Amino acid sequence: NEAGQVRIRAGLPIYECNSRCRCGAECPNRVVQKGIRYDLCIFRTGNGRGWGVRTLERIRKNSFVMEYVGEIITSEEAERRGQVYDRQGATYLFDLDYVEDVYTVDAAHYGNISHFVNHSCDPNLQVYNVFIESLDERLPRIALFATRPIRAGEELTFDYNMHGTAPPRPAPRPGGYTRTPLTPRLPAPVDPVDAESTRMDSNFGLAGGGLGGSPRARGRI
């Protein structure tokens, strides 16, 4: 709508205006392409889940919050990396399987603040497939919208399993390894897992400049 709030149900694609359109930058159908508009903060959680993300201002229901970005790799490369990440106890692979499983986003080492968003079975963010310049259905952009009003200071989360979204997700891979659609970060009741997750995060670089070492201060992307 005019306020940039999504009005379609989860699972349906969003098509935004692009460079072929005659409209200008103020067109209400240009939302995800403008990037993050809210003031967000990376923080250290207190319950063993590593880093998390919270908002520093109120977010309206159905508003765009952030895009999940990272390296775009083939599914074959994702299989190889996924097995390594599973042994390390943390993974950030997101299959772009809107129509077929060809490409995957890997946010382990490159991306934006979405790298630090944790899983919840009762999330306040919902995933949508978005198409802007490219209409290749194998390469949707992954946008996160608010499912309800979110208070300032509240942690942002989404369901890594994304139950109820369409199209249906593939079954787990042979041998028990699951990468679909985004393998949850393992809970960290023991120090080795948390230490490994921290090590991976310390090697992570934010797109457009980077963040030296593990995040210690507020970051707006």
N, C-alpha and C. Protein backbone atom coordinates (compact mmCIF):
# COMPACT_ATOMS: atom_id res chain seq x y z
N ASN A 1 0.83 -1.19 0.00
CA ASN A 1 0.00 0.00 0.00
C ASN A 1 0.87 1.25 0.00
N GLU A 2 0.27 2.42 0.18
CA GLU A 2 1.01 3.68 0.13
C GLU A 2 2.05 3.80 1.24
N ALA A 3 1.84 3.06 2.33
CA ALA A 3 2.78 3.10 3.45
C ALA A 3 3.88 2.06 3.32
N GLY A 4 3.89 1.31 2.21
CA GLY A 4 4.92 0.30 2.01
C GLY A 4 4.68 -0.98 2.77
N GLN A 5 3.44 -1.24 3.18
CA GLN A 5 3.12 -2.45 3.93
C GLN A 5 2.59 -3.52 2.98
N VAL A 6 3.08 -4.74 3.15
CA VAL A 6 2.67 -5.83 2.27
C VAL A 6 1.23 -6.23 2.59
N ARG A 7 0.47 -6.54 1.52
CA ARG A 7 -0.94 -6.89 1.69
C ARG A 7 -1.28 -8.25 1.09
N ILE A 8 -0.29 -9.03 0.74
CA ILE A 8 -0.55 -10.35 0.19
C ILE A 8 -0.12 -11.40 1.20
N ARG A 9 -0.68 -12.59 1.08
CA ARG A 9 -0.37 -13.63 2.05
C ARG A 9 1.03 -14.19 1.81
N ALA A 10 1.61 -14.71 2.86
CA ALA A 10 2.94 -15.31 2.77
C ALA A 10 2.91 -16.48 1.80
N GLY A 11 3.95 -16.60 0.99
CA GLY A 11 4.03 -17.65 -0.01
C GLY A 11 3.83 -17.14 -1.42
N LEU A 12 3.11 -16.01 -1.55
CA LEU A 12 2.94 -15.40 -2.86
C LEU A 12 4.11 -14.46 -3.14
N PRO A 13 4.57 -14.39 -4.40
CA PRO A 13 5.72 -13.53 -4.71
C PRO A 13 5.34 -12.05 -4.75
N ILE A 14 6.33 -11.21 -4.52
CA ILE A 14 6.17 -9.76 -4.63
C ILE A 14 6.97 -9.30 -5.85
N TYR A 15 6.34 -8.54 -6.73
CA TYR A 15 7.02 -7.97 -7.89
C TYR A 15 7.07 -6.46 -7.72
N GLU A 16 8.27 -5.91 -7.54
CA GLU A 16 8.42 -4.47 -7.39
C GLU A 16 8.73 -3.82 -8.73
N CYS A 17 8.45 -2.53 -8.81
CA CYS A 17 8.82 -1.77 -10.00
C CYS A 17 10.35 -1.77 -10.14
N ASN A 18 10.82 -1.66 -11.37
CA ASN A 18 12.27 -1.69 -11.61
C ASN A 18 12.66 -0.61 -12.61
N SER A 19 13.86 -0.74 -13.17
CA SER A 19 14.38 0.29 -14.08
C SER A 19 13.59 0.38 -15.38
N ARG A 20 12.78 -0.61 -15.68
CA ARG A 20 11.97 -0.57 -16.90
C ARG A 20 10.67 0.20 -16.70
N CYS A 21 10.35 0.50 -15.45
CA CYS A 21 9.10 1.22 -15.16
C CYS A 21 9.30 2.73 -15.32
N ARG A 22 8.23 3.42 -15.62
CA ARG A 22 8.29 4.87 -15.81
C ARG A 22 8.10 5.64 -14.51
N CYS A 23 7.75 4.94 -13.44
CA CYS A 23 7.52 5.61 -12.17
C CYS A 23 8.85 6.05 -11.56
N GLY A 24 8.77 6.92 -10.56
CA GLY A 24 9.97 7.43 -9.92
C GLY A 24 10.29 6.72 -8.62
N ALA A 25 11.27 7.27 -7.90
CA ALA A 25 11.74 6.65 -6.66
C ALA A 25 10.68 6.64 -5.57
N GLU A 26 9.70 7.54 -5.66
CA GLU A 26 8.67 7.62 -4.63
C GLU A 26 7.50 6.68 -4.88
N CYS A 27 7.58 5.87 -5.91
CA CYS A 27 6.52 4.90 -6.19
C CYS A 27 6.34 3.97 -4.99
N PRO A 28 5.11 3.75 -4.52
CA PRO A 28 4.89 2.89 -3.35
C PRO A 28 5.23 1.43 -3.60
N ASN A 29 5.46 1.07 -4.89
CA ASN A 29 5.84 -0.31 -5.19
C ASN A 29 7.36 -0.45 -5.29
N ARG A 30 8.08 0.43 -4.63
CA ARG A 30 9.54 0.33 -4.51
C ARG A 30 9.86 0.36 -3.02
N VAL A 31 9.95 -0.80 -2.43
CA VAL A 31 10.12 -0.90 -0.97
C VAL A 31 11.40 -1.65 -0.61
N VAL A 32 11.47 -2.91 -0.99
CA VAL A 32 12.64 -3.74 -0.64
C VAL A 32 13.91 -3.16 -1.24
N GLN A 33 13.81 -2.63 -2.46
CA GLN A 33 14.99 -2.10 -3.15
C GLN A 33 15.59 -0.89 -2.46
N LYS A 34 14.85 -0.25 -1.56
CA LYS A 34 15.37 0.91 -0.83
C LYS A 34 16.18 0.52 0.40
N GLY A 35 16.16 -0.76 0.74
CA GLY A 35 16.97 -1.23 1.86
C GLY A 35 16.32 -1.00 3.22
N ILE A 36 17.11 -1.23 4.25
CA ILE A 36 16.62 -1.12 5.63
C ILE A 36 16.33 0.33 5.98
N ARG A 37 15.14 0.56 6.53
CA ARG A 37 14.72 1.91 6.89
C ARG A 37 14.62 2.10 8.40
N TYR A 38 14.67 1.01 9.14
CA TYR A 38 14.54 1.09 10.59
C TYR A 38 15.91 1.05 11.26
N ASP A 39 15.96 1.58 12.47
CA ASP A 39 17.18 1.60 13.26
C ASP A 39 17.28 0.27 14.01
N LEU A 40 18.25 -0.56 13.63
CA LEU A 40 18.40 -1.89 14.20
C LEU A 40 19.72 -2.01 14.94
N CYS A 41 19.77 -2.95 15.87
CA CYS A 41 20.93 -3.08 16.75
C CYS A 41 21.33 -4.55 16.89
N ILE A 42 22.61 -4.85 16.72
CA ILE A 42 23.15 -6.17 17.00
C ILE A 42 23.50 -6.24 18.48
N PHE A 43 23.08 -7.30 19.16
CA PHE A 43 23.36 -7.41 20.59
C PHE A 43 23.67 -8.85 20.96
N ARG A 44 24.28 -9.03 22.11
CA ARG A 44 24.61 -10.35 22.61
C ARG A 44 23.46 -10.87 23.46
N THR A 45 22.88 -12.00 23.08
CA THR A 45 21.75 -12.55 23.83
C THR A 45 22.24 -13.10 25.17
N GLY A 46 21.32 -13.23 26.10
CA GLY A 46 21.70 -13.69 27.43
C GLY A 46 21.33 -15.12 27.71
N ASN A 47 20.87 -15.86 26.69
CA ASN A 47 20.43 -17.24 26.92
C ASN A 47 21.18 -18.25 26.06
N GLY A 48 22.40 -17.92 25.68
CA GLY A 48 23.23 -18.89 24.97
C GLY A 48 22.98 -18.99 23.48
N ARG A 49 22.22 -18.05 22.88
CA ARG A 49 21.94 -18.11 21.45
C ARG A 49 22.90 -17.26 20.63
N GLY A 50 23.97 -16.78 21.25
CA GLY A 50 24.94 -15.98 20.51
C GLY A 50 24.42 -14.56 20.29
N TRP A 51 24.71 -14.01 19.10
CA TRP A 51 24.27 -12.66 18.77
C TRP A 51 22.82 -12.66 18.31
N GLY A 52 22.17 -11.53 18.43
CA GLY A 52 20.81 -11.36 17.96
C GLY A 52 20.63 -9.95 17.42
N VAL A 53 19.43 -9.67 16.92
CA VAL A 53 19.11 -8.35 16.38
C VAL A 53 17.83 -7.85 17.03
N ARG A 54 17.83 -6.60 17.44
CA ARG A 54 16.61 -5.99 17.95
C ARG A 54 16.41 -4.63 17.28
N THR A 55 15.19 -4.16 17.34
CA THR A 55 14.88 -2.86 16.76
C THR A 55 14.95 -1.78 17.82
N LEU A 56 15.43 -0.61 17.44
CA LEU A 56 15.50 0.52 18.36
C LEU A 56 14.31 1.46 18.19
N GLU A 57 13.41 1.10 17.30
CA GLU A 57 12.20 1.90 17.11
C GLU A 57 11.03 0.99 16.77
N ARG A 58 9.83 1.51 16.93
CA ARG A 58 8.63 0.72 16.68
C ARG A 58 8.52 0.40 15.19
N ILE A 59 8.13 -0.84 14.89
CA ILE A 59 7.94 -1.28 13.51
C ILE A 59 6.47 -1.62 13.31
N ARG A 60 5.88 -1.08 12.26
CA ARG A 60 4.47 -1.34 11.98
C ARG A 60 4.27 -2.73 11.39
N LYS A 61 3.12 -3.30 11.65
CA LYS A 61 2.76 -4.60 11.09
C LYS A 61 2.82 -4.55 9.56
N ASN A 62 3.34 -5.62 8.96
CA ASN A 62 3.44 -5.80 7.51
C ASN A 62 4.49 -4.92 6.85
N SER A 63 5.32 -4.25 7.65
CA SER A 63 6.36 -3.39 7.08
C SER A 63 7.60 -4.20 6.73
N PHE A 64 8.30 -3.77 5.67
CA PHE A 64 9.57 -4.39 5.31
C PHE A 64 10.62 -4.03 6.36
N VAL A 65 11.38 -5.03 6.80
CA VAL A 65 12.37 -4.80 7.85
C VAL A 65 13.79 -4.95 7.31
N MET A 66 14.07 -6.06 6.63
CA MET A 66 15.41 -6.28 6.09
C MET A 66 15.37 -7.35 5.02
N GLU A 67 16.46 -7.44 4.27
CA GLU A 67 16.62 -8.48 3.26
C GLU A 67 17.70 -9.45 3.73
N TYR A 68 17.47 -10.75 3.51
CA TYR A 68 18.48 -11.76 3.84
C TYR A 68 19.43 -11.86 2.65
N VAL A 69 20.68 -11.47 2.85
CA VAL A 69 21.64 -11.44 1.75
C VAL A 69 22.90 -12.19 2.13
N GLY A 70 23.68 -12.54 1.11
CA GLY A 70 24.94 -13.25 1.30
C GLY A 70 25.49 -13.66 -0.05
N GLU A 71 26.41 -14.61 -0.05
CA GLU A 71 26.94 -15.15 -1.30
C GLU A 71 25.87 -16.01 -1.97
N ILE A 72 25.72 -15.88 -3.28
CA ILE A 72 24.85 -16.78 -4.03
C ILE A 72 25.73 -17.89 -4.60
N ILE A 73 25.47 -19.11 -4.17
CA ILE A 73 26.27 -20.25 -4.58
C ILE A 73 25.36 -21.32 -5.16
N THR A 74 25.94 -22.30 -5.83
CA THR A 74 25.16 -23.39 -6.38
C THR A 74 24.73 -24.34 -5.27
N SER A 75 23.72 -25.13 -5.53
CA SER A 75 23.27 -26.10 -4.55
C SER A 75 24.35 -27.14 -4.25
N GLU A 76 25.15 -27.46 -5.27
CA GLU A 76 26.23 -28.42 -5.07
C GLU A 76 27.25 -27.88 -4.07
N GLU A 77 27.62 -26.60 -4.23
CA GLU A 77 28.56 -25.99 -3.29
C GLU A 77 27.94 -25.87 -1.90
N ALA A 78 26.63 -25.61 -1.86
CA ALA A 78 25.94 -25.51 -0.58
C ALA A 78 25.96 -26.85 0.16
N GLU A 79 25.85 -27.95 -0.58
CA GLU A 79 25.93 -29.27 0.04
C GLU A 79 27.29 -29.44 0.73
N ARG A 80 28.34 -29.05 0.03
CA ARG A 80 29.69 -29.20 0.58
C ARG A 80 29.87 -28.32 1.82
N ARG A 81 29.50 -27.04 1.70
CA ARG A 81 29.67 -26.13 2.83
C ARG A 81 28.77 -26.52 3.99
N GLY A 82 27.56 -26.98 3.68
CA GLY A 82 26.61 -27.31 4.73
C GLY A 82 27.11 -28.40 5.65
N GLN A 83 27.79 -29.38 5.10
CA GLN A 83 28.32 -30.45 5.93
C GLN A 83 29.42 -29.93 6.85
N VAL A 84 30.20 -28.97 6.37
CA VAL A 84 31.23 -28.35 7.21
C VAL A 84 30.58 -27.53 8.31
N TYR A 85 29.58 -26.72 7.94
CA TYR A 85 28.91 -25.87 8.92
C TYR A 85 28.21 -26.69 9.99
N ASP A 86 27.60 -27.81 9.58
CA ASP A 86 26.91 -28.65 10.56
C ASP A 86 27.88 -29.19 11.61
N ARG A 87 29.08 -29.52 11.18
CA ARG A 87 30.08 -30.00 12.14
C ARG A 87 30.51 -28.88 13.08
N GLN A 88 30.46 -27.64 12.60
CA GLN A 88 30.85 -26.50 13.42
C GLN A 88 29.73 -26.05 14.35
N GLY A 89 28.51 -26.49 14.09
CA GLY A 89 27.39 -26.17 14.97
C GLY A 89 26.65 -24.91 14.62
N ALA A 90 26.88 -24.33 13.44
CA ALA A 90 26.15 -23.13 13.02
C ALA A 90 26.17 -23.06 11.51
N THR A 91 25.04 -22.68 10.91
CA THR A 91 24.98 -22.56 9.46
C THR A 91 24.02 -21.46 9.08
N TYR A 92 24.28 -20.82 7.93
CA TYR A 92 23.49 -19.68 7.49
C TYR A 92 23.08 -19.86 6.03
N LEU A 93 22.79 -21.10 5.63
CA LEU A 93 22.42 -21.41 4.26
C LEU A 93 20.92 -21.28 4.07
N PHE A 94 20.52 -20.61 3.00
CA PHE A 94 19.11 -20.38 2.71
C PHE A 94 18.87 -20.76 1.25
N ASP A 95 18.15 -21.87 1.03
CA ASP A 95 17.88 -22.34 -0.33
C ASP A 95 16.94 -21.40 -1.07
N LEU A 96 17.30 -21.02 -2.28
CA LEU A 96 16.41 -20.24 -3.14
C LEU A 96 15.59 -21.23 -3.97
N ASP A 97 14.67 -21.89 -3.32
CA ASP A 97 13.93 -22.98 -3.96
C ASP A 97 12.48 -22.60 -4.22
N TYR A 98 12.26 -21.37 -4.65
CA TYR A 98 10.90 -20.93 -4.95
C TYR A 98 10.27 -21.80 -6.04
N VAL A 99 11.04 -22.12 -7.09
CA VAL A 99 10.54 -23.00 -8.14
C VAL A 99 11.38 -24.27 -8.27
N GLU A 100 12.69 -24.15 -8.06
CA GLU A 100 13.57 -25.31 -8.10
C GLU A 100 14.82 -25.01 -7.30
N ASP A 101 15.44 -26.07 -6.81
CA ASP A 101 16.59 -25.92 -5.92
C ASP A 101 17.87 -25.87 -6.75
N VAL A 102 18.27 -24.66 -7.18
CA VAL A 102 19.46 -24.48 -8.00
C VAL A 102 20.51 -23.65 -7.28
N TYR A 103 20.05 -22.60 -6.58
CA TYR A 103 20.97 -21.70 -5.91
C TYR A 103 20.64 -21.58 -4.42
N THR A 104 21.64 -21.15 -3.67
CA THR A 104 21.52 -20.99 -2.22
C THR A 104 22.23 -19.70 -1.81
N VAL A 105 21.67 -19.01 -0.83
CA VAL A 105 22.34 -17.85 -0.23
C VAL A 105 23.12 -18.33 0.98
N ASP A 106 24.42 -18.02 1.01
CA ASP A 106 25.26 -18.36 2.15
C ASP A 106 25.66 -17.05 2.84
N ALA A 107 25.11 -16.83 4.02
CA ALA A 107 25.39 -15.60 4.77
C ALA A 107 26.40 -15.83 5.89
N ALA A 108 27.18 -16.90 5.79
CA ALA A 108 28.12 -17.22 6.88
C ALA A 108 29.19 -16.15 7.05
N HIS A 109 29.72 -15.64 5.95
CA HIS A 109 30.85 -14.72 6.04
C HIS A 109 30.61 -13.37 5.38
N TYR A 110 29.60 -13.27 4.53
CA TYR A 110 29.28 -12.01 3.86
C TYR A 110 27.78 -11.80 3.88
N GLY A 111 27.36 -10.56 4.10
CA GLY A 111 25.93 -10.29 4.11
C GLY A 111 25.62 -8.98 4.79
N ASN A 112 24.51 -8.95 5.52
CA ASN A 112 24.15 -7.76 6.28
C ASN A 112 23.70 -8.18 7.67
N ILE A 113 22.95 -7.34 8.32
CA ILE A 113 22.57 -7.59 9.71
C ILE A 113 21.66 -8.81 9.86
N SER A 114 21.04 -9.26 8.77
CA SER A 114 20.17 -10.44 8.84
C SER A 114 20.94 -11.69 9.26
N HIS A 115 22.25 -11.69 9.07
CA HIS A 115 23.10 -12.81 9.50
C HIS A 115 22.89 -13.14 10.98
N PHE A 116 22.55 -12.14 11.78
CA PHE A 116 22.48 -12.30 13.23
C PHE A 116 21.06 -12.53 13.75
N VAL A 117 20.07 -12.62 12.86
CA VAL A 117 18.69 -12.82 13.30
C VAL A 117 18.48 -14.27 13.72
N ASN A 118 17.93 -14.47 14.90
CA ASN A 118 17.73 -15.80 15.45
C ASN A 118 16.39 -16.41 15.05
N HIS A 119 16.30 -17.72 15.26
CA HIS A 119 15.08 -18.48 15.00
C HIS A 119 14.09 -18.35 16.16
N SER A 120 12.80 -18.41 15.82
CA SER A 120 11.76 -18.51 16.83
C SER A 120 10.58 -19.28 16.24
N CYS A 121 9.93 -20.09 17.07
CA CYS A 121 8.71 -20.77 16.64
C CYS A 121 7.52 -19.82 16.67
N ASP A 122 7.70 -18.67 17.30
CA ASP A 122 6.67 -17.63 17.34
C ASP A 122 7.31 -16.32 16.87
N PRO A 123 7.67 -16.25 15.58
CA PRO A 123 8.47 -15.13 15.09
C PRO A 123 7.66 -13.85 14.88
N ASN A 124 8.38 -12.74 14.75
CA ASN A 124 7.72 -11.48 14.40
C ASN A 124 8.08 -11.03 12.99
N LEU A 125 8.83 -11.87 12.25
CA LEU A 125 9.16 -11.59 10.85
C LEU A 125 8.72 -12.76 9.98
N GLN A 126 8.35 -12.45 8.74
CA GLN A 126 7.91 -13.45 7.77
C GLN A 126 8.70 -13.29 6.48
N VAL A 127 9.06 -14.41 5.87
CA VAL A 127 9.84 -14.40 4.63
C VAL A 127 8.93 -14.25 3.41
N TYR A 128 9.35 -13.39 2.47
CA TYR A 128 8.68 -13.25 1.18
C TYR A 128 9.71 -13.32 0.06
N ASN A 129 9.34 -13.93 -1.06
CA ASN A 129 10.18 -13.93 -2.26
C ASN A 129 9.87 -12.67 -3.06
N VAL A 130 10.92 -11.91 -3.40
CA VAL A 130 10.73 -10.63 -4.08
C VAL A 130 11.52 -10.62 -5.39
N PHE A 131 10.91 -10.07 -6.43
CA PHE A 131 11.57 -9.94 -7.73
C PHE A 131 11.56 -8.46 -8.12
N ILE A 132 12.75 -7.97 -8.51
CA ILE A 132 12.85 -6.55 -8.89
C ILE A 132 13.44 -6.46 -10.29
N GLU A 133 14.74 -6.35 -10.42
CA GLU A 133 15.36 -6.26 -11.75
C GLU A 133 15.35 -7.61 -12.46
N SER A 134 15.63 -8.66 -11.72
CA SER A 134 15.64 -10.00 -12.31
C SER A 134 14.30 -10.69 -12.06
N LEU A 135 13.74 -11.25 -13.12
CA LEU A 135 12.49 -12.00 -13.00
C LEU A 135 12.75 -13.51 -13.07
N ASP A 136 14.02 -13.89 -12.95
CA ASP A 136 14.38 -15.30 -12.93
C ASP A 136 13.87 -15.91 -11.62
N GLU A 137 12.90 -16.80 -11.72
CA GLU A 137 12.28 -17.36 -10.52
C GLU A 137 13.21 -18.24 -9.71
N ARG A 138 14.38 -18.55 -10.26
CA ARG A 138 15.36 -19.31 -9.50
C ARG A 138 16.17 -18.41 -8.57
N LEU A 139 16.02 -17.08 -8.74
CA LEU A 139 16.84 -16.14 -7.98
C LEU A 139 15.99 -15.05 -7.32
N PRO A 140 15.06 -15.44 -6.46
CA PRO A 140 14.29 -14.41 -5.75
C PRO A 140 15.16 -13.72 -4.70
N ARG A 141 14.80 -12.51 -4.36
CA ARG A 141 15.40 -11.84 -3.22
C ARG A 141 14.56 -12.19 -1.99
N ILE A 142 15.21 -12.39 -0.86
CA ILE A 142 14.54 -12.87 0.34
C ILE A 142 14.31 -11.69 1.28
N ALA A 143 13.06 -11.27 1.41
CA ALA A 143 12.72 -10.11 2.23
C ALA A 143 11.98 -10.55 3.49
N LEU A 144 12.26 -9.87 4.58
CA LEU A 144 11.62 -10.16 5.87
C LEU A 144 10.70 -9.00 6.24
N PHE A 145 9.41 -9.32 6.42
CA PHE A 145 8.40 -8.33 6.78
C PHE A 145 7.87 -8.62 8.18
N ALA A 146 7.43 -7.59 8.87
CA ALA A 146 6.89 -7.74 10.22
C ALA A 146 5.52 -8.40 10.18
N THR A 147 5.31 -9.41 11.01
CA THR A 147 4.03 -10.11 11.06
C THR A 147 3.04 -9.41 11.99
N ARG A 148 3.54 -8.50 12.82
CA ARG A 148 2.72 -7.79 13.80
C ARG A 148 3.45 -6.52 14.20
N PRO A 149 2.81 -5.62 14.93
CA PRO A 149 3.55 -4.46 15.44
C PRO A 149 4.68 -4.93 16.36
N ILE A 150 5.86 -4.36 16.20
CA ILE A 150 7.02 -4.75 17.00
C ILE A 150 7.47 -3.56 17.83
N ARG A 151 7.61 -3.76 19.12
CA ARG A 151 7.98 -2.68 20.03
C ARG A 151 9.46 -2.34 19.92
N ALA A 152 9.81 -1.11 20.22
CA ALA A 152 11.22 -0.71 20.29
C ALA A 152 11.91 -1.53 21.38
N GLY A 153 13.08 -2.05 21.08
CA GLY A 153 13.82 -2.88 22.02
C GLY A 153 13.55 -4.36 21.91
N GLU A 154 12.57 -4.75 21.08
CA GLU A 154 12.20 -6.16 20.94
C GLU A 154 13.14 -6.87 19.96
N GLU A 155 13.49 -8.12 20.28
CA GLU A 155 14.33 -8.90 19.38
C GLU A 155 13.55 -9.29 18.13
N LEU A 156 14.24 -9.29 16.99
CA LEU A 156 13.65 -9.69 15.71
C LEU A 156 13.99 -11.15 15.44
N THR A 157 13.00 -11.93 15.04
CA THR A 157 13.20 -13.35 14.78
C THR A 157 12.35 -13.78 13.59
N PHE A 158 12.75 -14.89 12.97
CA PHE A 158 11.87 -15.53 11.98
C PHE A 158 12.00 -17.04 12.12
N ASP A 159 11.02 -17.74 11.58
CA ASP A 159 10.97 -19.19 11.68
C ASP A 159 11.87 -19.78 10.59
N TYR A 160 12.96 -20.41 10.97
CA TYR A 160 13.88 -20.98 9.99
C TYR A 160 13.21 -22.06 9.14
N ASN A 161 12.16 -22.68 9.67
CA ASN A 161 11.46 -23.73 8.92
C ASN A 161 10.35 -23.17 8.06
N MET A 162 9.90 -21.97 8.36
CA MET A 162 8.89 -21.26 7.56
C MET A 162 7.69 -22.13 7.24
N HIS A 163 7.09 -22.73 8.25
CA HIS A 163 5.91 -23.56 8.04
C HIS A 163 4.76 -22.70 7.52
N GLY A 164 4.00 -23.26 6.58
CA GLY A 164 2.83 -22.57 6.07
C GLY A 164 3.09 -21.70 4.87
N THR A 165 4.35 -21.60 4.43
CA THR A 165 4.65 -20.81 3.24
C THR A 165 4.61 -21.72 2.03
N ALA A 166 4.37 -21.12 0.88
CA ALA A 166 4.35 -21.88 -0.37
C ALA A 166 5.50 -21.38 -1.22
N PRO A 167 6.04 -22.20 -2.10
CA PRO A 167 5.69 -23.59 -2.36
C PRO A 167 6.24 -24.52 -1.30
N PRO A 168 5.82 -25.82 -1.30
CA PRO A 168 6.29 -26.76 -0.30
C PRO A 168 7.80 -26.91 -0.35
N ARG A 169 8.40 -27.18 0.81
CA ARG A 169 9.84 -27.34 0.91
C ARG A 169 10.24 -28.79 0.69
N PRO A 170 11.42 -29.03 0.08
CA PRO A 170 11.88 -30.41 -0.13
C PRO A 170 12.13 -31.13 1.18
N ALA A 171 12.20 -32.45 1.10
CA ALA A 171 12.47 -33.28 2.27
C ALA A 171 13.94 -33.17 2.65
N PRO A 172 14.30 -33.59 3.88
CA PRO A 172 15.71 -33.58 4.29
C PRO A 172 16.59 -34.38 3.34
N ARG A 173 17.85 -33.97 3.25
CA ARG A 173 18.79 -34.63 2.36
C ARG A 173 19.14 -36.03 2.87
N PRO A 174 19.56 -36.93 1.97
CA PRO A 174 19.98 -38.27 2.41
C PRO A 174 21.11 -38.18 3.42
N GLY A 175 21.10 -39.10 4.37
CA GLY A 175 22.15 -39.13 5.37
C GLY A 175 21.85 -38.26 6.57
N GLY A 176 20.67 -37.65 6.60
CA GLY A 176 20.28 -36.88 7.77
C GLY A 176 20.64 -35.42 7.70
N TYR A 177 21.42 -35.00 6.71
CA TYR A 177 21.82 -33.60 6.61
C TYR A 177 20.69 -32.78 6.01
N THR A 178 20.27 -31.75 6.70
CA THR A 178 19.16 -30.91 6.26
C THR A 178 19.64 -29.50 6.02
N ARG A 179 19.31 -28.93 4.84
CA ARG A 179 19.70 -27.57 4.55
C ARG A 179 18.50 -26.73 4.15
N THR A 180 17.29 -27.24 4.33
CA THR A 180 16.14 -26.61 3.75
C THR A 180 15.15 -26.13 4.80
N PRO A 181 14.68 -24.88 4.72
CA PRO A 181 15.22 -23.84 3.86
C PRO A 181 16.40 -23.13 4.50
N LEU A 182 16.48 -23.19 5.81
CA LEU A 182 17.59 -22.57 6.52
C LEU A 182 17.79 -23.36 7.79
N THR A 183 18.91 -24.07 7.89
CA THR A 183 19.14 -24.90 9.05
C THR A 183 19.28 -24.03 10.29
N PRO A 184 18.47 -24.25 11.33
CA PRO A 184 18.57 -23.40 12.52
C PRO A 184 19.94 -23.48 13.16
N ARG A 185 20.38 -22.36 13.72
CA ARG A 185 21.57 -22.40 14.55
C ARG A 185 21.27 -23.26 15.76
N LEU A 186 22.17 -24.13 16.08
CA LEU A 186 21.93 -25.01 17.21
C LEU A 186 21.94 -24.23 18.51
N PRO A 187 21.07 -24.61 19.46
CA PRO A 187 21.15 -23.97 20.77
C PRO A 187 22.50 -24.26 21.39
N ALA A 188 22.96 -23.38 22.25
CA ALA A 188 24.31 -23.51 22.76
C ALA A 188 24.33 -23.67 24.28
N PRO A 189 23.90 -24.83 24.80
CA PRO A 189 23.95 -25.04 26.24
C PRO A 189 25.36 -25.31 26.73
N VAL A 190 26.27 -25.64 25.79
CA VAL A 190 27.65 -25.92 26.18
C VAL A 190 28.57 -24.93 25.50
N ASP A 191 29.65 -24.62 26.15
CA ASP A 191 30.56 -23.59 25.67
C ASP A 191 31.16 -23.85 24.30
N PRO A 192 31.57 -25.09 23.94
CA PRO A 192 32.21 -25.29 22.63
C PRO A 192 31.36 -24.84 21.45
N VAL A 193 30.06 -25.11 21.49
CA VAL A 193 29.19 -24.70 20.38
C VAL A 193 29.12 -23.19 20.30
N ASP A 194 28.92 -22.55 21.45
CA ASP A 194 28.83 -21.09 21.47
C ASP A 194 30.15 -20.47 21.03
N ALA A 195 31.25 -21.07 21.43
CA ALA A 195 32.56 -20.55 21.04
C ALA A 195 32.75 -20.65 19.54
N GLU A 196 32.29 -21.75 18.94
CA GLU A 196 32.44 -21.92 17.50
C GLU A 196 31.57 -20.93 16.75
N SER A 197 30.34 -20.71 17.24
CA SER A 197 29.47 -19.73 16.61
C SER A 197 30.09 -18.34 16.69
N THR A 198 30.68 -18.02 17.82
CA THR A 198 31.33 -16.71 17.98
C THR A 198 32.50 -16.58 17.02
N ARG A 199 33.25 -17.68 16.83
CA ARG A 199 34.39 -17.64 15.92
C ARG A 199 33.92 -17.36 14.49
N MET A 200 32.83 -18.02 14.07
CA MET A 200 32.30 -17.79 12.73
C MET A 200 31.84 -16.35 12.58
N ASP A 201 31.15 -15.83 13.61
CA ASP A 201 30.67 -14.46 13.54
C ASP A 201 31.82 -13.47 13.50
N SER A 202 32.94 -13.79 14.15
CA SER A 202 34.07 -12.87 14.17
C SER A 202 34.71 -12.74 12.80
N ASN A 203 34.49 -13.74 11.92
CA ASN A 203 35.03 -13.70 10.57
C ASN A 203 34.04 -13.14 9.56
N PHE A 204 32.88 -12.73 10.04
CA PHE A 204 31.82 -12.26 9.17
C PHE A 204 32.04 -10.80 8.81
N GLY A 205 31.79 -10.45 7.54
CA GLY A 205 31.95 -9.08 7.09
C GLY A 205 30.64 -8.52 6.58
N LEU A 206 30.26 -7.34 7.04
CA LEU A 206 29.03 -6.71 6.57
C LEU A 206 29.25 -6.14 5.18
N ALA A 207 28.26 -6.32 4.32
CA ALA A 207 28.35 -5.79 2.97
C ALA A 207 28.48 -4.27 3.02
N GLY A 208 29.41 -3.76 2.23
CA GLY A 208 29.54 -2.32 2.15
C GLY A 208 30.50 -1.73 3.16
N GLY A 209 31.41 -2.53 3.69
CA GLY A 209 32.38 -1.92 4.60
C GLY A 209 32.96 -2.90 5.59
N GLY A 210 32.13 -3.77 6.12
CA GLY A 210 32.65 -4.75 7.05
C GLY A 210 32.58 -4.27 8.49
N LEU A 211 32.70 -5.22 9.37
CA LEU A 211 32.63 -4.95 10.80
C LEU A 211 33.75 -5.74 11.43
N GLY A 212 34.81 -5.08 11.85
CA GLY A 212 35.98 -5.77 12.35
C GLY A 212 35.69 -6.57 13.60
N GLY A 213 35.98 -7.86 13.57
CA GLY A 213 35.76 -8.70 14.72
C GLY A 213 34.29 -8.90 15.01
N SER A 214 33.99 -9.50 16.15
CA SER A 214 32.61 -9.70 16.54
C SER A 214 31.96 -8.35 16.82
N PRO A 215 30.67 -8.21 16.49
CA PRO A 215 30.01 -6.92 16.68
C PRO A 215 29.92 -6.55 18.15
N ARG A 216 30.23 -5.32 18.47
CA ARG A 216 30.18 -4.87 19.86
C ARG A 216 29.33 -3.62 20.00
N ALA A 217 28.95 -3.04 18.90
CA ALA A 217 28.18 -1.81 18.97
C ALA A 217 27.05 -1.83 17.97
N ARG A 218 26.17 -0.88 18.10
CA ARG A 218 25.03 -0.75 17.22
C ARG A 218 25.48 -0.64 15.77
N GLY A 219 24.77 -1.33 14.89
CA GLY A 219 25.09 -1.23 13.48
C GLY A 219 23.84 -1.04 12.66
N ARG A 220 23.84 -0.08 11.78
CA ARG A 220 22.71 0.13 10.88
C ARG A 220 23.18 -0.07 9.46
N ILE A 221 22.51 -0.95 8.74
CA ILE A 221 22.96 -1.30 7.40
C ILE A 221 22.10 -0.58 6.37
